[in-house]
Amino acid sequence: MKTNIRKKILITLLSLVTVVVLLIIGIVLLNLKIKNTEKQINEFLLSLENKSCRNEDLRSALAKIRDTQKKVEQYNSFLFKKGNELQLITDLENIALKNNVSQNIINSNLDSASGDSLQMTLDISGTYENALKYLLAVERHPYFLSVENLELYPTGEPTKEMGLSSPVNLRIHINLYAIQ
């Protein structure tokens, strides 16, 4: 009988140890599955975040493109359009009249321009101050005028009518960028 009780205790202990070992193995396996699932979830969240960042970058790039297109459209008002030569000459003559200088177009390719660049050489006569005012007004003209060469030299002595300002001759060579 003692051996029977011992066998029962031994079987019970072995059963309990087996159950505990199986529980430990089950817990470890479940823990591994949880960690693996957590890793997959984190990878998925990172993937979603990257896609979201790319979408935001794409939206930002598209907004910048739209903004750039609007700015480029504004530049058209600063570019000379071929066919508006008379308007340009009239504008330059009006600038000369406003600044009390005389203007002569010495050289120009306005009538035979090829490509996207027009050139003209202007000879301006007047007082030093008025010539500088004329030059400033030309630089403020809406078209993108590029002064390539500028010569300023006196043409005489100041007189009382000129208010002590020396008479000068201003010769400027201008490039003008044109579009069709």
Protein backbone atom coordinates (compact mmCIF):
# COMPACT_ATOMS: atom_id res chain seq x y z
CA MET A 1 0.00 0.00 0.00
CA LYS A 2 2.82 2.29 0.72
CA THR A 3 4.10 1.71 -2.75
CA ASN A 4 0.69 2.52 -4.14
CA ILE A 5 0.62 5.84 -2.32
CA ARG A 6 4.14 6.54 -3.43
CA LYS A 7 3.17 5.74 -7.00
CA LYS A 8 0.14 7.99 -6.74
CA ILE A 9 2.20 10.83 -5.27
CA LEU A 10 4.87 10.31 -7.92
CA ILE A 11 2.28 10.23 -10.70
CA THR A 12 0.60 13.31 -9.27
CA LEU A 13 3.91 15.13 -8.99
CA LEU A 14 4.90 14.12 -12.51
CA SER A 15 1.50 15.22 -13.76
CA LEU A 16 1.84 18.57 -11.99
CA VAL A 17 5.40 19.07 -13.28
CA THR A 18 4.22 18.16 -16.79
CA VAL A 19 1.33 20.61 -16.54
CA VAL A 20 3.65 23.35 -15.21
CA VAL A 21 6.20 22.67 -17.97
CA LEU A 22 3.43 22.70 -20.59
CA LEU A 23 2.10 25.97 -19.12
CA ILE A 24 5.57 27.51 -19.20
CA ILE A 25 6.08 26.35 -22.80
CA GLY A 26 2.64 27.73 -23.71
CA ILE A 27 3.38 31.07 -22.06
CA VAL A 28 6.77 31.34 -23.78
CA LEU A 29 5.24 30.49 -27.18
CA LEU A 30 2.41 32.95 -26.62
CA ASN A 31 4.91 35.63 -25.56
CA LEU A 32 6.94 35.02 -28.75
CA LYS A 33 3.78 35.33 -30.86
CA ILE A 34 2.86 38.57 -29.08
CA LYS A 35 6.34 40.02 -29.67
CA ASN A 36 6.23 38.97 -33.33
CA THR A 37 2.78 40.55 -33.74
CA GLU A 38 4.00 43.71 -31.99
CA LYS A 39 6.97 43.86 -34.38
CA GLN A 40 4.65 43.47 -37.39
CA ILE A 41 2.35 46.20 -36.05
CA ASN A 42 5.31 48.56 -35.52
CA GLU A 43 6.59 47.86 -39.04
CA PHE A 44 3.12 48.49 -40.45
CA LEU A 45 2.80 51.77 -38.50
CA LEU A 46 6.24 52.85 -39.73
CA SER A 47 5.21 52.00 -43.28
CA LEU A 48 2.02 54.06 -42.89
CA GLU A 49 3.99 56.95 -41.44
CA ASN A 50 6.44 56.86 -44.37
CA LYS A 51 3.55 56.82 -46.84
CA SER A 52 1.96 59.71 -44.98
CA CYS A 53 5.23 61.67 -45.11
CA ARG A 54 5.54 60.97 -48.84
CA ASN A 55 1.95 62.15 -49.35
CA GLU A 56 2.69 65.32 -47.39
CA ASP A 57 5.89 65.83 -49.40
CA LEU A 58 3.93 65.31 -52.60
CA ARG A 59 1.26 67.78 -51.51
CA SER A 60 3.95 70.27 -50.55
CA ALA A 61 5.73 69.81 -53.88
CA LEU A 62 2.46 70.27 -55.79
CA ALA A 63 1.72 73.45 -53.82
CA LYS A 64 5.20 74.76 -54.62
CA ILE A 65 4.70 73.95 -58.30
CA ARG A 66 1.40 75.84 -58.35
CA ASP A 67 3.02 78.79 -56.58
CA THR A 68 5.93 78.77 -59.03
CA GLN A 69 3.53 78.67 -61.98
CA LYS A 70 1.74 81.75 -60.63
CA LYS A 71 5.06 83.57 -60.20
CA VAL A 72 6.19 82.62 -63.71
CA GLU A 73 2.94 83.96 -65.14
CA GLN A 74 3.72 87.30 -63.46
CA TYR A 75 7.10 87.47 -65.24
CA ASN A 76 5.37 87.71 -68.62
CA SER A 77 4.52 91.33 -67.83
CA PHE A 78 8.27 92.08 -67.57
CA LEU A 79 9.17 90.49 -70.90
CA PHE A 80 9.02 92.43 -74.12
CA LYS A 81 6.68 90.94 -76.69
CA LYS A 82 7.82 91.18 -80.28
CA GLY A 83 5.48 93.47 -82.16
CA ASN A 84 5.43 96.08 -79.36
CA GLU A 85 8.48 97.94 -80.71
CA LEU A 86 6.55 101.18 -81.25
CA GLN A 87 5.23 101.07 -77.67
CA LEU A 88 8.79 100.61 -76.34
CA ILE A 89 10.12 103.55 -78.38
CA THR A 90 7.17 105.69 -77.24
CA ASP A 91 7.82 104.73 -73.61
CA LEU A 92 11.50 105.66 -73.91
CA GLU A 93 10.62 109.00 -75.56
CA ASN A 94 8.13 109.76 -72.79
CA ILE A 95 10.78 108.97 -70.18
CA ALA A 96 13.15 111.37 -71.98
CA LEU A 97 10.49 114.12 -72.05
CA LYS A 98 9.67 113.68 -68.35
CA ASN A 99 13.35 114.00 -67.44
CA ASN A 100 14.14 116.97 -69.74
CA VAL A 101 16.71 115.17 -71.88
CA SER A 102 16.93 114.60 -75.60
CA GLN A 103 17.12 111.03 -76.81
CA ASN A 104 18.36 109.56 -80.09
CA ILE A 105 18.31 105.90 -81.01
CA ILE A 106 21.71 105.38 -82.61
CA ASN A 107 21.60 101.67 -83.27
CA SER A 108 18.88 99.09 -82.90
CA ASN A 109 17.88 95.66 -84.12
CA LEU A 110 14.21 96.15 -83.22
CA ASP A 111 13.10 95.73 -86.83
CA SER A 112 15.37 92.77 -87.64
CA ALA A 113 15.68 90.97 -84.33
CA SER A 114 16.45 87.30 -84.36
CA GLY A 115 16.34 85.15 -81.26
CA ASP A 116 15.13 86.36 -77.90
CA SER A 117 17.43 89.35 -77.41
CA LEU A 118 16.95 92.84 -78.78
CA GLN A 119 19.64 95.49 -78.61
CA MET A 120 19.57 99.23 -78.90
CA THR A 121 22.02 102.04 -78.30
CA LEU A 122 20.62 105.32 -77.03
CA ASP A 123 22.34 108.71 -76.99
CA ILE A 124 20.96 110.96 -74.24
CA SER A 125 21.84 114.67 -73.91
CA GLY A 126 20.97 116.89 -70.98
CA THR A 127 22.20 117.91 -67.57
CA TYR A 128 24.03 115.47 -65.37
CA GLU A 129 21.14 115.25 -62.91
CA ASN A 130 18.51 114.80 -65.61
CA ALA A 131 20.59 112.13 -67.37
CA LEU A 132 20.83 110.19 -64.11
CA LYS A 133 17.08 110.58 -63.54
CA TYR A 134 16.49 109.29 -67.09
CA LEU A 135 18.75 106.28 -66.44
CA LEU A 136 16.92 105.53 -63.19
CA ALA A 137 13.55 105.75 -64.95
CA VAL A 138 14.75 103.38 -67.70
CA GLU A 139 15.90 100.90 -65.07
CA ARG A 140 12.47 101.09 -63.43
CA HIS A 141 10.68 100.43 -66.71
CA PRO A 142 8.44 97.34 -66.47
CA TYR A 143 10.32 95.46 -69.20
CA PHE A 144 13.47 93.65 -68.15
CA LEU A 145 16.03 96.03 -69.70
CA SER A 146 19.65 95.12 -69.17
CA VAL A 147 22.16 97.95 -69.51
CA GLU A 148 25.20 96.34 -71.11
CA ASN A 149 27.36 99.42 -71.60
CA LEU A 150 27.15 102.94 -70.24
CA GLU A 151 29.27 105.95 -71.21
CA LEU A 152 28.84 109.29 -69.49
CA TYR A 153 30.95 112.26 -70.51
CA PRO A 154 30.67 116.05 -70.19
CA THR A 155 29.84 118.11 -73.26
CA GLY A 156 30.50 121.60 -71.92
CA GLU A 157 30.68 123.90 -68.93
CA PRO A 158 27.75 124.46 -66.57
CA THR A 159 25.61 127.51 -67.30
CA LYS A 160 23.32 129.53 -65.07
CA GLU A 161 20.27 128.22 -66.94
CA MET A 162 21.33 124.69 -66.02
CA GLY A 163 21.74 125.60 -62.36
CA LEU A 164 25.43 124.65 -62.09
CA SER A 165 24.76 121.18 -63.47
CA SER A 166 27.15 120.17 -66.25
CA PRO A 167 25.78 119.26 -69.67
CA VAL A 168 26.53 115.61 -70.38
CA ASN A 169 26.05 113.00 -73.02
CA LEU A 170 24.94 109.56 -71.86
CA ARG A 171 25.28 106.65 -74.23
CA ILE A 172 23.74 103.38 -73.11
CA HIS A 173 23.62 100.03 -74.84
CA ILE A 174 20.55 98.07 -73.77
CA ASN A 175 19.65 94.41 -74.16
CA LEU A 176 16.00 93.59 -74.01
CA TYR A 177 14.73 90.05 -73.60
CA ALA A 178 11.78 89.31 -75.82
CA ILE A 179 9.18 86.60 -76.23
CA GLN A 180 7.05 85.79 -79.25
